[in-house]
Amino acid sequence: MISTRGRYAIRVILDIANNQKDGYVPMKDVASRQGLSLKYLEQILPTLTKNKILEGVQGKGGGYRLVKSLDQYTVGDVLRATEKDLAPVSCLASGAKECERRSQCRTIGLWEGLNEVINNYLDSKTLADL
């Protein structure tokens, strides 16, 4: 399940893109327009800057702006930056220890297929599509 963190990150990026013009968009303005807690944004935005989706500047005239254009980011990029993992089952999560029952698992093909569909779909949608 995609958390509020991932869903809000997409909303925030789209808000910034629509309002950045040639400058930076203050976090408090985004919070106000989106009806989100400033405290919660303070947790999301550093993740997006660390993953080079946004860049931020502090101080007067500061705020956030996109590093690249919306068509250069997929929804998958954003969700992988903000969610722990997009895998439908824990055994397929990145960094998961290989299950000792994998060779006998009759359902692993189902979960691998679902994982592929999820990731392919999210990677086929850019933020510009939204």
Protein backbone atom coordinates (compact mmCIF):
# COMPACT_ATOMS: atom_id res chain seq x y z
CA MET A 1 0.00 0.00 0.00
CA ILE A 2 1.28 3.45 -0.88
CA SER A 3 1.54 5.59 2.26
CA THR A 4 0.42 9.19 2.70
CA ARG A 5 4.10 10.11 2.50
CA GLY A 6 4.29 8.90 -1.10
CA ARG A 7 0.93 10.36 -2.11
CA TYR A 8 1.72 13.73 -0.53
CA ALA A 9 5.16 13.80 -2.15
CA ILE A 10 3.55 13.61 -5.58
CA ARG A 11 1.07 16.37 -4.69
CA VAL A 12 3.87 18.56 -3.33
CA ILE A 13 6.06 18.12 -6.41
CA LEU A 14 3.17 19.00 -8.71
CA ASP A 15 2.34 22.06 -6.59
CA ILE A 16 5.95 23.25 -6.70
CA ALA A 17 6.11 22.69 -10.46
CA ASN A 18 2.96 24.74 -10.98
CA ASN A 19 4.18 27.60 -8.79
CA GLN A 20 7.95 27.80 -9.17
CA LYS A 21 8.10 30.08 -12.24
CA ASP A 22 11.75 31.19 -12.07
CA GLY A 23 12.29 30.94 -8.34
CA TYR A 24 11.86 28.84 -5.26
CA VAL A 25 8.52 27.97 -3.67
CA PRO A 26 8.29 28.41 0.13
CA MET A 27 7.33 25.27 2.02
CA LYS A 28 4.66 27.16 3.99
CA ASP A 29 2.94 28.17 0.73
CA VAL A 30 2.84 24.56 -0.46
CA ALA A 31 1.49 23.42 2.91
CA SER A 32 -1.23 26.06 2.79
CA ARG A 33 -2.34 25.32 -0.78
CA GLN A 34 -2.31 21.56 -0.25
CA GLY A 35 -3.87 21.58 3.21
CA LEU A 36 -0.90 19.72 4.67
CA SER A 37 0.88 20.09 7.97
CA LEU A 38 4.11 22.06 7.76
CA LYS A 39 5.66 19.55 10.18
CA TYR A 40 4.79 16.68 7.85
CA LEU A 41 6.27 18.50 4.86
CA GLU A 42 9.45 19.01 6.85
CA GLN A 43 9.77 15.21 6.85
CA ILE A 44 8.98 14.69 3.16
CA LEU A 45 10.95 17.47 1.47
CA PRO A 46 14.43 16.43 2.72
CA THR A 47 13.85 12.98 1.21
CA LEU A 48 13.00 14.57 -2.13
CA THR A 49 16.09 16.80 -2.02
CA LYS A 50 18.35 13.93 -0.98
CA ASN A 51 17.07 11.97 -4.00
CA LYS A 52 17.71 14.96 -6.30
CA ILE A 53 14.08 15.48 -7.24
CA LEU A 54 13.95 18.90 -5.59
CA GLU A 55 16.57 21.40 -4.57
CA GLY A 56 16.13 23.67 -1.60
CA VAL A 57 17.50 26.99 -0.47
CA GLN A 58 17.10 28.39 3.03
CA GLY A 59 16.61 32.00 4.02
CA LYS A 60 14.89 34.94 2.41
CA GLY A 61 13.66 34.06 -1.07
CA GLY A 62 14.30 30.40 -0.33
CA GLY A 63 12.16 27.37 -0.76
CA TYR A 64 12.10 24.45 -3.17
CA ARG A 65 12.11 23.90 -6.91
CA LEU A 66 12.40 20.94 -9.23
CA VAL A 67 15.83 19.91 -10.40
CA LYS A 68 14.49 18.67 -13.77
CA SER A 69 11.24 19.05 -15.68
CA LEU A 70 8.16 16.99 -14.76
CA ASP A 71 8.51 14.76 -17.83
CA GLN A 72 11.90 13.58 -16.57
CA TYR A 73 10.47 12.02 -13.40
CA THR A 74 8.29 8.96 -13.22
CA VAL A 75 5.77 8.30 -10.50
CA GLY A 76 7.91 5.26 -9.73
CA ASP A 77 10.95 7.48 -9.11
CA VAL A 78 9.06 9.51 -6.51
CA LEU A 79 7.46 6.55 -4.79
CA ARG A 80 10.72 4.62 -4.59
CA ALA A 81 12.31 7.72 -3.00
CA THR A 82 9.58 8.08 -0.38
CA GLU A 83 8.37 4.56 0.31
CA LYS A 84 10.43 1.83 1.90
CA ASP A 85 9.63 -0.50 -0.97
CA LEU A 86 7.00 -1.07 -3.64
CA ALA A 87 7.21 -4.87 -3.53
CA PRO A 88 3.84 -6.58 -3.01
CA VAL A 89 5.35 -9.18 -0.65
CA SER A 90 8.24 -8.95 1.81
CA CYS A 91 10.34 -11.64 0.13
CA LEU A 92 10.68 -9.42 -2.96
CA ALA A 93 11.58 -6.26 -1.05
CA SER A 94 14.94 -4.78 -1.95
CA GLY A 95 17.59 -6.07 0.39
CA ALA A 96 15.40 -8.91 1.65
CA LYS A 97 17.15 -12.09 2.64
CA GLU A 98 16.34 -14.80 0.13
CA CYS A 99 13.59 -17.05 1.42
CA GLU A 100 14.82 -20.56 2.15
CA ARG A 101 11.56 -21.91 0.69
CA ARG A 102 11.90 -20.01 -2.61
CA SER A 103 12.84 -23.09 -4.64
CA GLN A 104 9.63 -24.83 -3.51
CA CYS A 105 7.42 -21.73 -3.50
CA ARG A 106 4.44 -22.24 -5.79
CA THR A 107 3.37 -18.60 -5.59
CA ILE A 108 6.64 -16.75 -6.19
CA GLY A 109 5.93 -16.40 -9.92
CA LEU A 110 2.62 -14.70 -9.12
CA TRP A 111 4.27 -12.20 -6.79
CA GLU A 112 7.15 -11.54 -9.18
CA GLY A 113 4.68 -10.89 -11.99
CA LEU A 114 2.64 -8.52 -9.83
CA ASN A 115 5.82 -6.71 -8.77
CA GLU A 116 6.80 -6.28 -12.42
CA VAL A 117 3.34 -4.96 -13.38
CA ILE A 118 3.36 -2.45 -10.49
CA ASN A 119 6.84 -1.13 -11.28
CA ASN A 120 6.32 -1.03 -15.05
CA TYR A 121 3.06 0.86 -14.63
CA LEU A 122 4.48 3.42 -12.18
CA ASP A 123 7.53 3.89 -14.39
CA SER A 124 5.34 4.43 -17.46
CA LYS A 125 3.68 7.51 -15.89
CA THR A 126 5.65 10.71 -15.67
CA LEU A 127 4.73 13.56 -13.36
CA ALA A 128 3.95 15.56 -16.52
CA ASP A 129 1.21 13.00 -17.27
CA LEU A 130 -0.49 14.02 -14.05
